[in-house]
Amino acid sequence: MKRLIKAAAVAAATLLASNASALEVGVPAPDFTAPSTQGEIVLSQLLEKGPVILAYYYADFTSG
């Protein structure tokens, strides 16, 4: 679970840094590849195993 949360944080940061537009509630997230501590992850591969929750912790790794 921690691995998934970390991967989701990296994915969210990647999406926010790109020219991606905001998603509406209920719209599926676009497929993406992101680095993780376990190698690269691909959203579509994770979805094959079941539901995925993407979370973004904007204050992670900060001193505050």
N, C-alpha and C. Protein backbone atom coordinates (compact mmCIF):
# COMPACT_ATOMS: atom_id res chain seq x y z
N MET A 1 0.82 -1.19 0.00
CA MET A 1 0.00 0.00 0.00
C MET A 1 0.87 1.25 0.00
N LYS A 2 1.93 1.25 0.82
CA LYS A 2 2.83 2.40 0.85
C LYS A 2 3.46 2.63 -0.51
N ARG A 3 3.81 1.53 -1.19
CA ARG A 3 4.41 1.64 -2.52
C ARG A 3 3.44 2.31 -3.48
N LEU A 4 2.18 1.94 -3.40
CA LEU A 4 1.18 2.52 -4.28
C LEU A 4 0.99 4.01 -3.99
N ILE A 5 0.98 4.36 -2.73
CA ILE A 5 0.81 5.77 -2.36
C ILE A 5 2.00 6.60 -2.84
N LYS A 6 3.22 6.07 -2.66
CA LYS A 6 4.39 6.79 -3.14
C LYS A 6 4.36 6.92 -4.66
N ALA A 7 3.97 5.86 -5.34
CA ALA A 7 3.90 5.90 -6.79
C ALA A 7 2.85 6.90 -7.25
N ALA A 8 1.74 6.94 -6.55
CA ALA A 8 0.68 7.88 -6.90
C ALA A 8 1.14 9.32 -6.70
N ALA A 9 1.90 9.55 -5.65
CA ALA A 9 2.42 10.91 -5.40
C ALA A 9 3.36 11.33 -6.52
N VAL A 10 4.21 10.42 -6.95
CA VAL A 10 5.11 10.73 -8.06
C VAL A 10 4.32 10.97 -9.33
N ALA A 11 3.32 10.13 -9.57
CA ALA A 11 2.50 10.29 -10.77
C ALA A 11 1.75 11.61 -10.75
N ALA A 12 1.19 11.96 -9.61
CA ALA A 12 0.46 13.22 -9.51
C ALA A 12 1.39 14.40 -9.74
N ALA A 13 2.57 14.35 -9.17
CA ALA A 13 3.54 15.43 -9.36
C ALA A 13 3.94 15.53 -10.82
N THR A 14 4.08 14.39 -11.47
CA THR A 14 4.42 14.38 -12.89
C THR A 14 3.31 15.01 -13.72
N LEU A 15 2.08 14.64 -13.41
CA LEU A 15 0.94 15.22 -14.14
C LEU A 15 0.81 16.71 -13.88
N LEU A 16 1.03 17.14 -12.66
CA LEU A 16 0.92 18.56 -12.33
C LEU A 16 2.02 19.36 -13.00
N ALA A 17 3.18 18.77 -13.20
CA ALA A 17 4.29 19.47 -13.82
C ALA A 17 4.15 19.54 -15.34
N SER A 18 3.31 18.70 -15.90
CA SER A 18 3.12 18.69 -17.35
C SER A 18 2.02 19.67 -17.74
N ASN A 19 1.67 19.65 -18.99
CA ASN A 19 0.61 20.51 -19.50
C ASN A 19 -0.76 19.84 -19.41
N ALA A 20 -0.89 18.89 -18.54
CA ALA A 20 -2.15 18.16 -18.39
C ALA A 20 -3.24 19.09 -17.86
N SER A 21 -4.45 18.88 -18.35
CA SER A 21 -5.56 19.68 -17.86
C SER A 21 -6.23 18.96 -16.69
N ALA A 22 -6.98 19.71 -15.91
CA ALA A 22 -7.65 19.14 -14.75
C ALA A 22 -8.72 18.14 -15.18
N LEU A 23 -8.88 17.10 -14.39
CA LEU A 23 -9.91 16.10 -14.66
C LEU A 23 -11.18 16.47 -13.92
N GLU A 24 -12.28 16.10 -14.49
CA GLU A 24 -13.57 16.26 -13.82
C GLU A 24 -13.82 15.03 -12.96
N VAL A 25 -14.63 15.19 -11.94
CA VAL A 25 -14.99 14.06 -11.07
C VAL A 25 -15.64 12.98 -11.92
N GLY A 26 -15.19 11.75 -11.74
CA GLY A 26 -15.77 10.61 -12.45
C GLY A 26 -15.09 10.28 -13.77
N VAL A 27 -14.20 11.15 -14.24
CA VAL A 27 -13.50 10.90 -15.50
C VAL A 27 -12.26 10.07 -15.19
N PRO A 28 -12.06 8.96 -15.92
CA PRO A 28 -10.88 8.13 -15.66
C PRO A 28 -9.58 8.90 -15.91
N ALA A 29 -8.57 8.61 -15.11
CA ALA A 29 -7.26 9.24 -15.29
C ALA A 29 -6.61 8.71 -16.56
N PRO A 30 -5.87 9.54 -17.26
CA PRO A 30 -5.16 9.06 -18.45
C PRO A 30 -4.04 8.11 -18.04
N ASP A 31 -3.71 7.19 -18.93
CA ASP A 31 -2.63 6.25 -18.63
C ASP A 31 -1.31 7.02 -18.53
N PHE A 32 -0.44 6.59 -17.65
CA PHE A 32 0.86 7.23 -17.50
C PHE A 32 1.88 6.23 -16.99
N THR A 33 3.14 6.56 -17.18
CA THR A 33 4.27 5.80 -16.65
C THR A 33 5.01 6.73 -15.71
N ALA A 34 5.40 6.22 -14.55
CA ALA A 34 6.09 7.05 -13.56
C ALA A 34 7.17 6.23 -12.86
N PRO A 35 8.24 6.90 -12.44
CA PRO A 35 9.28 6.18 -11.69
C PRO A 35 8.82 5.88 -10.27
N SER A 36 9.31 4.79 -9.72
CA SER A 36 9.03 4.45 -8.33
C SER A 36 10.26 3.77 -7.75
N THR A 37 10.22 3.47 -6.48
CA THR A 37 11.34 2.77 -5.85
C THR A 37 11.45 1.33 -6.34
N GLN A 38 10.39 0.83 -6.97
CA GLN A 38 10.37 -0.54 -7.48
C GLN A 38 10.56 -0.59 -8.99
N GLY A 39 11.00 0.50 -9.60
CA GLY A 39 11.10 0.58 -11.05
C GLY A 39 9.95 1.42 -11.58
N GLU A 40 9.75 1.41 -12.88
CA GLU A 40 8.66 2.20 -13.44
C GLU A 40 7.31 1.52 -13.23
N ILE A 41 6.29 2.34 -13.01
CA ILE A 41 4.94 1.83 -12.90
C ILE A 41 4.12 2.39 -14.05
N VAL A 42 3.14 1.62 -14.48
CA VAL A 42 2.23 2.03 -15.54
C VAL A 42 0.82 1.89 -14.99
N LEU A 43 0.05 2.96 -15.06
CA LEU A 43 -1.29 2.96 -14.49
C LEU A 43 -2.14 1.83 -15.05
N SER A 44 -2.11 1.62 -16.35
CA SER A 44 -2.95 0.58 -16.95
C SER A 44 -2.60 -0.81 -16.42
N GLN A 45 -1.33 -1.05 -16.10
CA GLN A 45 -0.94 -2.35 -15.54
C GLN A 45 -1.46 -2.51 -14.12
N LEU A 46 -1.44 -1.43 -13.35
CA LEU A 46 -1.98 -1.49 -11.99
C LEU A 46 -3.48 -1.72 -12.02
N LEU A 47 -4.18 -1.11 -12.97
CA LEU A 47 -5.63 -1.25 -13.06
C LEU A 47 -6.05 -2.68 -13.40
N GLU A 48 -5.17 -3.43 -14.06
CA GLU A 48 -5.48 -4.83 -14.36
C GLU A 48 -5.61 -5.66 -13.09
N LYS A 49 -4.94 -5.22 -12.01
CA LYS A 49 -4.98 -5.94 -10.74
C LYS A 49 -6.15 -5.52 -9.87
N GLY A 50 -6.78 -4.40 -10.20
CA GLY A 50 -7.92 -3.92 -9.41
C GLY A 50 -7.94 -2.40 -9.35
N PRO A 51 -8.84 -1.85 -8.54
CA PRO A 51 -8.96 -0.39 -8.44
C PRO A 51 -7.67 0.25 -7.90
N VAL A 52 -7.42 1.47 -8.34
CA VAL A 52 -6.24 2.23 -7.94
C VAL A 52 -6.70 3.58 -7.41
N ILE A 53 -6.14 3.98 -6.30
CA ILE A 53 -6.42 5.31 -5.73
C ILE A 53 -5.18 6.17 -5.92
N LEU A 54 -5.34 7.29 -6.60
CA LEU A 54 -4.24 8.22 -6.78
C LEU A 54 -4.34 9.30 -5.72
N ALA A 55 -3.30 9.49 -4.97
CA ALA A 55 -3.28 10.50 -3.91
C ALA A 55 -2.05 11.36 -4.09
N TYR A 56 -2.18 12.63 -3.77
CA TYR A 56 -1.07 13.56 -3.89
C TYR A 56 -0.88 14.26 -2.56
N TYR A 57 0.27 14.10 -1.97
CA TYR A 57 0.60 14.75 -0.72
C TYR A 57 1.57 15.88 -1.02
N TYR A 58 1.05 17.06 -1.24
CA TYR A 58 1.88 18.18 -1.68
C TYR A 58 2.91 18.61 -0.63
N ALA A 59 2.73 18.27 0.62
CA ALA A 59 3.66 18.67 1.66
C ALA A 59 4.63 17.55 2.03
N ASP A 60 4.58 16.44 1.34
CA ASP A 60 5.45 15.33 1.65
C ASP A 60 6.92 15.73 1.47
N PHE A 61 7.75 15.30 2.37
CA PHE A 61 9.18 15.58 2.37
C PHE A 61 9.50 17.06 2.59
N THR A 62 8.62 17.79 3.23
CA THR A 62 8.91 19.18 3.58
C THR A 62 9.13 19.29 5.08
N SER A 63 9.73 20.36 5.49
CA SER A 63 10.05 20.50 6.91
C SER A 63 8.88 21.01 7.74
N GLY A 64 7.81 21.47 7.12
CA GLY A 64 6.69 22.06 7.86
C GLY A 64 5.65 21.17 8.25
